[in-house]
Amino acid sequence: MMWYWGGGVAWWGWLLGAIGTVVFWGLVIWAIWYLVTAFTTRRSEPGPRGADPKRILDERLARGEIDAEEYVRLRDLMGGTPDRPRDEQHPAGTGDLR
């Protein structure tokens, strides 16, 4: 003998339907979470190691991140320009001992 609940539908049918709905929506939510985290944690391709600092400085100037004064200051800190080697850039003065 089967136990019926209400209008002739077995109680276990309602239970299986409820469990199936919870599982379905759980999988949908998990899939959305997985896709969002997979795309947001993906890191951009890193540049080549040892990228040319002069090129990076030139790009920052071109993008407007730094002005011309800052560009010259940073270029001098890096050790000179391609036209002048580092040793020739800061010649020894009278009080400068090397």
PDB file of N, CA and C in Angstrom:
ATOM      1  N   MET A   1       0.821  -1.160   0.000  1.00  0.00           N
ATOM      2  CA  MET A   1       0.000   0.000   0.000  1.00  0.00           C
ATOM      3  C   MET A   1       0.885   1.251   0.000  1.00  0.00           C
ATOM      4  N   MET A   2       0.612   2.225  -0.881  1.00  0.00           N
ATOM      5  CA  MET A   2       1.394   3.451  -0.984  1.00  0.00           C
ATOM      6  C   MET A   2       0.723   4.558  -0.185  1.00  0.00           C
ATOM      7  N   TRP A   3       1.552   5.359   0.389  1.00  0.00           N
ATOM      8  CA  TRP A   3       1.036   6.514   1.111  1.00  0.00           C
ATOM      9  C   TRP A   3       0.932   7.670   0.132  1.00  0.00           C
ATOM     10  N   TYR A   4      -0.200   8.285   0.084  1.00  0.00           N
ATOM     11  CA  TYR A   4      -0.411   9.415  -0.819  1.00  0.00           C
ATOM     12  C   TYR A   4      -0.561  10.683  -0.002  1.00  0.00           C
ATOM     13  N   TRP A   5      -0.169  11.737  -0.644  1.00  0.00           N
ATOM     14  CA  TRP A   5      -0.203  13.017   0.025  1.00  0.00           C
ATOM     15  C   TRP A   5      -1.061  13.956  -0.799  1.00  0.00           C
ATOM     16  N   GLY A   6      -2.174  14.286  -0.388  1.00  0.00           N
ATOM     17  CA  GLY A   6      -3.034  15.219  -1.094  1.00  0.00           C
ATOM     18  C   GLY A   6      -3.721  14.597  -2.290  1.00  0.00           C
ATOM     19  N   GLY A   7      -3.516  15.172  -3.460  1.00  0.00           N
ATOM     20  CA  GLY A   7      -4.277  14.819  -4.644  1.00  0.00           C
ATOM     21  C   GLY A   7      -3.796  13.606  -5.384  1.00  0.00           C
ATOM     22  N   GLY A   8      -3.320  12.612  -4.742  1.00  0.00           N
ATOM     23  CA  GLY A   8      -2.983  11.369  -5.395  1.00  0.00           C
ATOM     24  C   GLY A   8      -1.533  11.242  -5.831  1.00  0.00           C
ATOM     25  N   VAL A   9      -0.659  12.185  -5.484  1.00  0.00           N
ATOM     26  CA  VAL A   9       0.762  12.099  -5.843  1.00  0.00           C
ATOM     27  C   VAL A   9       1.522  11.594  -4.636  1.00  0.00           C
ATOM     28  N   ALA A  10       2.380  10.636  -4.875  1.00  0.00           N
ATOM     29  CA  ALA A  10       3.156  10.069  -3.776  1.00  0.00           C
ATOM     30  C   ALA A  10       4.078  11.128  -3.192  1.00  0.00           C
ATOM     31  N   TRP A  11       4.288  11.091  -1.873  1.00  0.00           N
ATOM     32  CA  TRP A  11       5.108  12.083  -1.185  1.00  0.00           C
ATOM     33  C   TRP A  11       6.554  12.069  -1.669  1.00  0.00           C
ATOM     34  N   TRP A  12       7.058  10.905  -2.064  1.00  0.00           N
ATOM     35  CA  TRP A  12       8.455  10.837  -2.503  1.00  0.00           C
ATOM     36  C   TRP A  12       8.648  11.530  -3.846  1.00  0.00           C
ATOM     37  N   GLY A  13       7.615  11.681  -4.630  1.00  0.00           N
ATOM     38  CA  GLY A  13       7.725  12.428  -5.890  1.00  0.00           C
ATOM     39  C   GLY A  13       8.006  13.899  -5.638  1.00  0.00           C
ATOM     40  N   TRP A  14       7.321  14.453  -4.642  1.00  0.00           N
ATOM     41  CA  TRP A  14       7.570  15.840  -4.267  1.00  0.00           C
ATOM     42  C   TRP A  14       8.991  15.998  -3.710  1.00  0.00           C
ATOM     43  N   LEU A  15       9.409  15.044  -2.918  1.00  0.00           N
ATOM     44  CA  LEU A  15      10.745  15.105  -2.316  1.00  0.00           C
ATOM     45  C   LEU A  15      11.825  15.050  -3.393  1.00  0.00           C
ATOM     46  N   LEU A  16      11.677  14.120  -4.339  1.00  0.00           N
ATOM     47  CA  LEU A  16      12.665  14.034  -5.423  1.00  0.00           C
ATOM     48  C   LEU A  16      12.665  15.298  -6.276  1.00  0.00           C
ATOM     49  N   GLY A  17      11.518  15.864  -6.503  1.00  0.00           N
ATOM     50  CA  GLY A  17      11.435  17.109  -7.268  1.00  0.00           C
ATOM     51  C   GLY A  17      12.132  18.256  -6.560  1.00  0.00           C
ATOM     52  N   ALA A  18      11.946  18.359  -5.250  1.00  0.00           N
ATOM     53  CA  ALA A  18      12.593  19.420  -4.472  1.00  0.00           C
ATOM     54  C   ALA A  18      14.104  19.237  -4.451  1.00  0.00           C
ATOM     55  N   ILE A  19      14.545  18.006  -4.243  1.00  0.00           N
ATOM     56  CA  ILE A  19      15.993  17.742  -4.240  1.00  0.00           C
ATOM     57  C   ILE A  19      16.594  18.031  -5.612  1.00  0.00           C
ATOM     58  N   GLY A  20      15.910  17.617  -6.663  1.00  0.00           N
ATOM     59  CA  GLY A  20      16.394  17.881  -8.015  1.00  0.00           C
ATOM     60  C   GLY A  20      16.503  19.363  -8.313  1.00  0.00           C
ATOM     61  N   THR A  21      15.539  20.144  -7.835  1.00  0.00           N
ATOM     62  CA  THR A  21      15.577  21.593  -8.040  1.00  0.00           C
ATOM     63  C   THR A  21      16.761  22.218  -7.311  1.00  0.00           C
ATOM     64  N   VAL A  22      16.986  21.808  -6.076  1.00  0.00           N
ATOM     65  CA  VAL A  22      18.115  22.339  -5.303  1.00  0.00           C
ATOM     66  C   VAL A  22      19.438  21.980  -5.982  1.00  0.00           C
ATOM     67  N   VAL A  23      19.568  20.740  -6.433  1.00  0.00           N
ATOM     68  CA  VAL A  23      20.800  20.318  -7.111  1.00  0.00           C
ATOM     69  C   VAL A  23      20.998  21.112  -8.403  1.00  0.00           C
ATOM     70  N   PHE A  24      19.943  21.278  -9.186  1.00  0.00           N
ATOM     71  CA  PHE A  24      20.042  22.013 -10.444  1.00  0.00           C
ATOM     72  C   PHE A  24      20.515  23.437 -10.206  1.00  0.00           C
ATOM     73  N   TRP A  25      19.862  24.165  -9.295  1.00  0.00           N
ATOM     74  CA  TRP A  25      20.252  25.547  -9.037  1.00  0.00           C
ATOM     75  C   TRP A  25      21.630  25.633  -8.378  1.00  0.00           C
ATOM     76  N   GLY A  26      21.975  24.653  -7.588  1.00  0.00           N
ATOM     77  CA  GLY A  26      23.327  24.622  -7.029  1.00  0.00           C
ATOM     78  C   GLY A  26      24.377  24.505  -8.114  1.00  0.00           C
ATOM     79  N   LEU A  27      24.129  23.643  -9.104  1.00  0.00           N
ATOM     80  CA  LEU A  27      25.066  23.506 -10.222  1.00  0.00           C
ATOM     81  C   LEU A  27      25.132  24.780 -11.062  1.00  0.00           C
ATOM     82  N   VAL A  28      24.006  25.432 -11.283  1.00  0.00           N
ATOM     83  CA  VAL A  28      24.000  26.685 -12.046  1.00  0.00           C
ATOM     84  C   VAL A  28      24.808  27.752 -11.311  1.00  0.00           C
ATOM     85  N   ILE A  29      24.587  27.889 -10.010  1.00  0.00           N
ATOM     86  CA  ILE A  29      25.333  28.885  -9.231  1.00  0.00           C
ATOM     87  C   ILE A  29      26.811  28.551  -9.206  1.00  0.00           C
ATOM     88  N   TRP A  30      27.160  27.286  -9.042  1.00  0.00           N
ATOM     89  CA  TRP A  30      28.566  26.884  -9.042  1.00  0.00           C
ATOM     90  C   TRP A  30      29.211  27.191 -10.394  1.00  0.00           C
ATOM     91  N   ALA A  31      28.537  26.920 -11.499  1.00  0.00           N
ATOM     92  CA  ALA A  31      29.096  27.176 -12.830  1.00  0.00           C
ATOM     93  C   ALA A  31      29.343  28.668 -13.037  1.00  0.00           C
ATOM     94  N   ILE A  32      28.403  29.495 -12.607  1.00  0.00           N
ATOM     95  CA  ILE A  32      28.595  30.945 -12.724  1.00  0.00           C
ATOM     96  C   ILE A  32      29.781  31.394 -11.881  1.00  0.00           C
ATOM     97  N   TRP A  33      29.859  30.915 -10.645  1.00  0.00           N
ATOM     98  CA  TRP A  33      30.976  31.266  -9.763  1.00  0.00           C
ATOM     99  C   TRP A  33      32.306  30.834 -10.384  1.00  0.00           C
ATOM    100  N   TYR A  34      32.352  29.627 -10.926  1.00  0.00           N
ATOM    101  CA  TYR A  34      33.581  29.110 -11.520  1.00  0.00           C
ATOM    102  C   TYR A  34      34.019  29.965 -12.703  1.00  0.00           C
ATOM    103  N   LEU A  35      33.106  30.302 -13.584  1.00  0.00           N
ATOM    104  CA  LEU A  35      33.443  31.114 -14.754  1.00  0.00           C
ATOM    105  C   LEU A  35      33.902  32.507 -14.363  1.00  0.00           C
ATOM    106  N   VAL A  36      33.222  33.109 -13.393  1.00  0.00           N
ATOM    107  CA  VAL A  36      33.620  34.453 -12.964  1.00  0.00           C
ATOM    108  C   VAL A  36      35.011  34.426 -12.347  1.00  0.00           C
ATOM    109  N   THR A  37      35.277  33.489 -11.461  1.00  0.00           N
ATOM    110  CA  THR A  37      36.597  33.441 -10.831  1.00  0.00           C
ATOM    111  C   THR A  37      37.681  33.025 -11.809  1.00  0.00           C
ATOM    112  N   ALA A  38      37.367  32.191 -12.773  1.00  0.00           N
ATOM    113  CA  ALA A  38      38.375  31.769 -13.748  1.00  0.00           C
ATOM    114  C   ALA A  38      38.810  32.938 -14.618  1.00  0.00           C
ATOM    115  N   PHE A  39      37.876  33.798 -14.988  1.00  0.00           N
ATOM    116  CA  PHE A  39      38.225  34.917 -15.861  1.00  0.00           C
ATOM    117  C   PHE A  39      38.802  36.095 -15.094  1.00  0.00           C
ATOM    118  N   THR A  40      38.434  36.272 -13.844  1.00  0.00           N
ATOM    119  CA  THR A  40      38.962  37.410 -13.094  1.00  0.00           C
ATOM    120  C   THR A  40      40.318  37.120 -12.474  1.00  0.00           C
ATOM    121  N   THR A  41      40.650  35.872 -12.241  1.00  0.00           N
ATOM    122  CA  THR A  41      41.958  35.562 -11.657  1.00  0.00           C
ATOM    123  C   THR A  41      42.996  35.239 -12.708  1.00  0.00           C
ATOM    124  N   ARG A  42      42.593  35.176 -13.951  1.00  0.00           N
ATOM    125  CA  ARG A  42      43.558  34.914 -15.015  1.00  0.00           C
ATOM    126  C   ARG A  42      44.476  36.121 -15.124  1.00  0.00           C
ATOM    127  N   ARG A  43      45.743  35.880 -15.024  1.00  0.00           N
ATOM    128  CA  ARG A  43      46.702  36.974 -15.059  1.00  0.00           C
ATOM    129  C   ARG A  43      47.070  37.281 -16.501  1.00  0.00           C
ATOM    130  N   SER A  44      47.345  38.553 -16.734  1.00  0.00           N
ATOM    131  CA  SER A  44      47.774  38.943 -18.078  1.00  0.00           C
ATOM    132  C   SER A  44      49.175  38.407 -18.317  1.00  0.00           C
ATOM    133  N   GLU A  45      49.482  38.233 -19.556  1.00  0.00           N
ATOM    134  CA  GLU A  45      50.789  37.710 -19.918  1.00  0.00           C
ATOM    135  C   GLU A  45      51.872  38.686 -19.473  1.00  0.00           C
ATOM    136  N   PRO A  46      52.822  38.223 -18.684  1.00  0.00           N
ATOM    137  CA  PRO A  46      53.884  39.127 -18.247  1.00  0.00           C
ATOM    138  C   PRO A  46      54.821  39.443 -19.407  1.00  0.00           C
ATOM    139  N   GLY A  47      55.412  40.608 -19.346  1.00  0.00           N
ATOM    140  CA  GLY A  47      56.368  40.999 -20.375  1.00  0.00           C
ATOM    141  C   GLY A  47      57.638  40.178 -20.244  1.00  0.00           C
ATOM    142  N   PRO A  48      58.504  40.305 -21.205  1.00  0.00           N
ATOM    143  CA  PRO A  48      59.753  39.547 -21.129  1.00  0.00           C
ATOM    144  C   PRO A  48      60.568  39.988 -19.926  1.00  0.00           C
ATOM    145  N   ARG A  49      61.214  39.033 -19.295  1.00  0.00           N
ATOM    146  CA  ARG A  49      62.033  39.358 -18.133  1.00  0.00           C
ATOM    147  C   ARG A  49      63.192  40.233 -18.574  1.00  0.00           C
ATOM    148  N   GLY A  50      63.507  41.184 -17.715  1.00  0.00           N
ATOM    149  CA  GLY A  50      64.611  42.074 -18.036  1.00  0.00           C
ATOM    150  C   GLY A  50      64.249  43.042 -19.153  1.00  0.00           C
ATOM    151  N   ALA A  51      62.989  43.475 -19.190  1.00  0.00           N
ATOM    152  CA  ALA A  51      62.569  44.408 -20.224  1.00  0.00           C
ATOM    153  C   ALA A  51      63.426  45.668 -20.135  1.00  0.00           C
ATOM    154  N   ASP A  52      63.650  46.282 -21.256  1.00  0.00           N
ATOM    155  CA  ASP A  52      64.501  47.453 -21.344  1.00  0.00           C
ATOM    156  C   ASP A  52      63.892  48.610 -20.547  1.00  0.00           C
ATOM    157  N   PRO A  53      64.555  49.069 -19.489  1.00  0.00           N
ATOM    158  CA  PRO A  53      63.995  50.146 -18.675  1.00  0.00           C
ATOM    159  C   PRO A  53      63.816  51.435 -19.475  1.00  0.00           C
ATOM    160  N   LYS A  54      64.693  51.695 -20.408  1.00  0.00           N
ATOM    161  CA  LYS A  54      64.579  52.907 -21.241  1.00  0.00           C
ATOM    162  C   LYS A  54      63.300  52.857 -22.062  1.00  0.00           C
ATOM    163  N   ARG A  55      62.978  51.691 -22.594  1.00  0.00           N
ATOM    164  CA  ARG A  55      61.758  51.546 -23.394  1.00  0.00           C
ATOM    165  C   ARG A  55      60.528  51.769 -22.514  1.00  0.00           C
ATOM    166  N   ILE A  56      60.555  51.216 -21.293  1.00  0.00           N
ATOM    167  CA  ILE A  56      59.436  51.389 -20.371  1.00  0.00           C
ATOM    168  C   ILE A  56      59.274  52.866 -20.020  1.00  0.00           C
ATOM    169  N   LEU A  57      60.384  53.549 -19.776  1.00  0.00           N
ATOM    170  CA  LEU A  57      60.340  54.968 -19.464  1.00  0.00           C
ATOM    171  C   LEU A  57      59.787  55.766 -20.639  1.00  0.00           C
ATOM    172  N   ASP A  58      60.217  55.427 -21.854  1.00  0.00           N
ATOM    173  CA  ASP A  58      59.697  56.090 -23.052  1.00  0.00           C
ATOM    174  C   ASP A  58      58.187  55.890 -23.180  1.00  0.00           C
ATOM    175  N   GLU A  59      57.714  54.669 -22.893  1.00  0.00           N
ATOM    176  CA  GLU A  59      56.282  54.382 -22.986  1.00  0.00           C
ATOM    177  C   GLU A  59      55.495  55.164 -21.938  1.00  0.00           C
ATOM    178  N   ARG A  60      56.037  55.292 -20.733  1.00  0.00           N
ATOM    179  CA  ARG A  60      55.352  56.058 -19.690  1.00  0.00           C
ATOM    180  C   ARG A  60      55.240  57.532 -20.084  1.00  0.00           C
ATOM    181  N   LEU A  61      56.285  58.067 -20.705  1.00  0.00           N
ATOM    182  CA  LEU A  61      56.243  59.447 -21.170  1.00  0.00           C
ATOM    183  C   LEU A  61      55.203  59.598 -22.279  1.00  0.00           C
ATOM    184  N   ALA A  62      55.178  58.645 -23.195  1.00  0.00           N
ATOM    185  CA  ALA A  62      54.228  58.703 -24.307  1.00  0.00           C
ATOM    186  C   ALA A  62      52.780  58.605 -23.815  1.00  0.00           C
ATOM    187  N   ARG A  63      52.527  57.819 -22.764  1.00  0.00           N
ATOM    188  CA  ARG A  63      51.164  57.684 -22.226  1.00  0.00           C
ATOM    189  C   ARG A  63      50.758  58.871 -21.358  1.00  0.00           C
ATOM    190  N   GLY A  64      51.729  59.736 -21.038  1.00  0.00           N
ATOM    191  CA  GLY A  64      51.424  60.897 -20.205  1.00  0.00           C
ATOM    192  C   GLY A  64      51.466  60.602 -18.721  1.00  0.00           C
ATOM    193  N   GLU A  65      52.018  59.463 -18.329  1.00  0.00           N
ATOM    194  CA  GLU A  65      52.104  59.128 -16.906  1.00  0.00           C
ATOM    195  C   GLU A  65      53.130  59.999 -16.184  1.00  0.00           C
ATOM    196  N   ILE A  66      54.148  60.432 -16.913  1.00  0.00           N
ATOM    197  CA  ILE A  66      55.182  61.298 -16.341  1.00  0.00           C
ATOM    198  C   ILE A  66      55.394  62.469 -17.289  1.00  0.00           C
ATOM    199  N   ASP A  67      55.913  63.581 -16.749  1.00  0.00           N
ATOM    200  CA  ASP A  67      56.208  64.717 -17.611  1.00  0.00           C
ATOM    201  C   ASP A  67      57.678  64.676 -18.027  1.00  0.00           C
ATOM    202  N   ALA A  68      58.092  65.657 -18.823  1.00  0.00           N
ATOM    203  CA  ALA A  68      59.449  65.655 -19.381  1.00  0.00           C
ATOM    204  C   ALA A  68      60.508  65.773 -18.283  1.00  0.00           C
ATOM    205  N   GLU A  69      60.230  66.585 -17.258  1.00  0.00           N
ATOM    206  CA  GLU A  69      61.199  66.729 -16.163  1.00  0.00           C
ATOM    207  C   GLU A  69      61.417  65.402 -15.439  1.00  0.00           C
ATOM    208  N   GLU A  70      60.323  64.725 -15.136  1.00  0.00           N
ATOM    209  CA  GLU A  70      60.408  63.431 -14.453  1.00  0.00           C
ATOM    210  C   GLU A  70      61.127  62.418 -15.348  1.00  0.00           C
ATOM    211  N   TYR A  71      60.850  62.473 -16.640  1.00  0.00           N
ATOM    212  CA  TYR A  71      61.506  61.573 -17.592  1.00  0.00           C
ATOM    213  C   TYR A  71      63.012  61.756 -17.535  1.00  0.00           C
ATOM    214  N   VAL A  72      63.479  63.013 -17.604  1.00  0.00           N
ATOM    215  CA  VAL A  72      64.922  63.292 -17.580  1.00  0.00           C
ATOM    216  C   VAL A  72      65.518  62.845 -16.257  1.00  0.00           C
ATOM    217  N   ARG A  73      64.815  63.125 -15.150  1.00  0.00           N
ATOM    218  CA  ARG A  73      65.335  62.736 -13.837  1.00  0.00           C
ATOM    219  C   ARG A  73      65.487  61.221 -13.725  1.00  0.00           C
ATOM    220  N   LEU A  74      64.460  60.484 -14.153  1.00  0.00           N
ATOM    221  CA  LEU A  74      64.520  59.026 -14.068  1.00  0.00           C
ATOM    222  C   LEU A  74      65.550  58.449 -15.030  1.00  0.00           C
ATOM    223  N   ARG A  75      65.658  59.028 -16.206  1.00  0.00           N
ATOM    224  CA  ARG A  75      66.651  58.555 -17.166  1.00  0.00           C
ATOM    225  C   ARG A  75      68.049  58.736 -16.602  1.00  0.00           C
ATOM    226  N   ASP A  76      68.295  59.886 -15.958  1.00  0.00           N
ATOM    227  CA  ASP A  76      69.606  60.125 -15.359  1.00  0.00           C
ATOM    228  C   ASP A  76      69.877  59.157 -14.205  1.00  0.00           C
ATOM    229  N   LEU A  77      68.837  58.831 -13.431  1.00  0.00           N
ATOM    230  CA  LEU A  77      69.009  57.866 -12.344  1.00  0.00           C
ATOM    231  C   LEU A  77      69.344  56.468 -12.862  1.00  0.00           C
ATOM    232  N   MET A  78      68.798  56.141 -14.028  1.00  0.00           N
ATOM    233  CA  MET A  78      69.051  54.817 -14.598  1.00  0.00           C
ATOM    234  C   MET A  78      70.475  54.675 -15.108  1.00  0.00           C
ATOM    235  N   GLY A  79      71.136  55.777 -15.348  1.00  0.00           N
ATOM    236  CA  GLY A  79      72.520  55.635 -15.755  1.00  0.00           C
ATOM    237  C   GLY A  79      72.854  56.249 -17.086  1.00  0.00           C
ATOM    238  N   GLY A  80      72.091  57.155 -17.558  1.00  0.00           N
ATOM    239  CA  GLY A  80      72.494  57.859 -18.756  1.00  0.00           C
ATOM    240  C   GLY A  80      71.592  57.611 -19.936  1.00  0.00           C
ATOM    241  N   THR A  81      72.001  58.171 -21.022  1.00  0.00           N
ATOM    242  CA  THR A  81      71.278  58.058 -22.274  1.00  0.00           C
ATOM    243  C   THR A  81      72.049  57.140 -23.196  1.00  0.00           C
ATOM    244  N   PRO A  82      71.451  56.683 -24.275  1.00  0.00           N
ATOM    245  CA  PRO A  82      72.185  55.833 -25.203  1.00  0.00           C
ATOM    246  C   PRO A  82      73.381  56.544 -25.844  1.00  0.00           C
ATOM    247  N   ASP A  83      73.314  57.895 -25.914  1.00  0.00           N
ATOM    248  CA  ASP A  83      74.409  58.637 -26.554  1.00  0.00           C
ATOM    249  C   ASP A  83      75.591  58.843 -25.623  1.00  0.00           C
ATOM    250  N   ARG A  84      75.318  58.917 -24.302  1.00  0.00           N
ATOM    251  CA  ARG A  84      76.393  59.177 -23.353  1.00  0.00           C
ATOM    252  C   ARG A  84      76.481  58.045 -22.343  1.00  0.00           C
ATOM    253  N   PRO A  85      77.632  57.398 -22.244  1.00  0.00           N
ATOM    254  CA  PRO A  85      77.784  56.343 -21.236  1.00  0.00           C
ATOM    255  C   PRO A  85      77.695  56.928 -19.834  1.00  0.00           C
ATOM    256  N   ARG A  86      77.482  56.072 -18.878  1.00  0.00           N
ATOM    257  CA  ARG A  86      77.295  56.493 -17.491  1.00  0.00           C
ATOM    258  C   ARG A  86      78.509  57.232 -16.937  1.00  0.00           C
ATOM    259  N   ASP A  87      79.699  56.783 -17.262  1.00  0.00           N
ATOM    260  CA  ASP A  87      80.906  57.407 -16.729  1.00  0.00           C
ATOM    261  C   ASP A  87      81.056  58.847 -17.207  1.00  0.00           C
ATOM    262  N   GLU A  88      80.613  59.159 -18.409  1.00  0.00           N
ATOM    263  CA  GLU A  88      80.756  60.501 -18.942  1.00  0.00           C
ATOM    264  C   GLU A  88      79.651  61.425 -18.479  1.00  0.00           C
ATOM    265  N   GLN A  89      78.612  60.911 -17.903  1.00  0.00           N
ATOM    266  CA  GLN A  89      77.466  61.738 -17.566  1.00  0.00           C
ATOM    267  C   GLN A  89      77.731  62.611 -16.340  1.00  0.00           C
ATOM    268  N   HIS A  90      78.420  62.090 -15.359  1.00  0.00           N
ATOM    269  CA  HIS A  90      78.702  62.840 -14.144  1.00  0.00           C
ATOM    270  C   HIS A  90      80.212  62.914 -13.935  1.00  0.00           C
ATOM    271  N   PRO A  91      80.850  63.850 -14.617  1.00  0.00           N
ATOM    272  CA  PRO A  91      82.311  63.928 -14.473  1.00  0.00           C
ATOM    273  C   PRO A  91      82.675  64.368 -13.041  1.00  0.00           C
ATOM    274  N   ALA A  92      83.835  63.950 -12.612  1.00  0.00           N
ATOM    275  CA  ALA A  92      84.286  64.261 -11.252  1.00  0.00           C
ATOM    276  C   ALA A  92      84.594  65.739 -11.155  1.00  0.00           C
ATOM    277  N   GLY A  93      84.075  66.367 -10.112  1.00  0.00           N
ATOM    278  CA  GLY A  93      84.361  67.793  -9.870  1.00  0.00           C
ATOM    279  C   GLY A  93      85.590  67.933  -9.014  1.00  0.00           C
ATOM    280  N   THR A  94      85.842  69.156  -8.586  1.00  0.00           N
ATOM    281  CA  THR A  94      87.057  69.386  -7.796  1.00  0.00           C
ATOM    282  C   THR A  94      86.973  68.724  -6.433  1.00  0.00           C
ATOM    283  N   GLY A  95      85.810  68.670  -5.849  1.00  0.00           N
ATOM    284  CA  GLY A  95      85.697  68.063  -4.535  1.00  0.00           C
ATOM    285  C   GLY A  95      85.209  66.628  -4.565  1.00  0.00           C
ATOM    286  N   ASP A  96      84.997  66.065  -5.750  1.00  0.00           N
ATOM    287  CA  ASP A  96      84.449  64.715  -5.890  1.00  0.00           C
ATOM    288  C   ASP A  96      85.581  63.710  -6.010  1.00  0.00           C
ATOM    289  N   LEU A  97      85.689  62.810  -5.072  1.00  0.00           N
ATOM    290  CA  LEU A  97      86.732  61.794  -5.138  1.00  0.00           C
ATOM    291  C   LEU A  97      86.094  60.486  -5.564  1.00  0.00           C
ATOM    292  N   ARG A  98      86.694  59.857  -6.527  1.00  0.00           N
ATOM    293  CA  ARG A  98      86.177  58.556  -6.991  1.00  0.00           C
ATOM    294  C   ARG A  98      87.067  57.452  -6.610  1.00  0.00           C
TER     295      ARG A  98
END
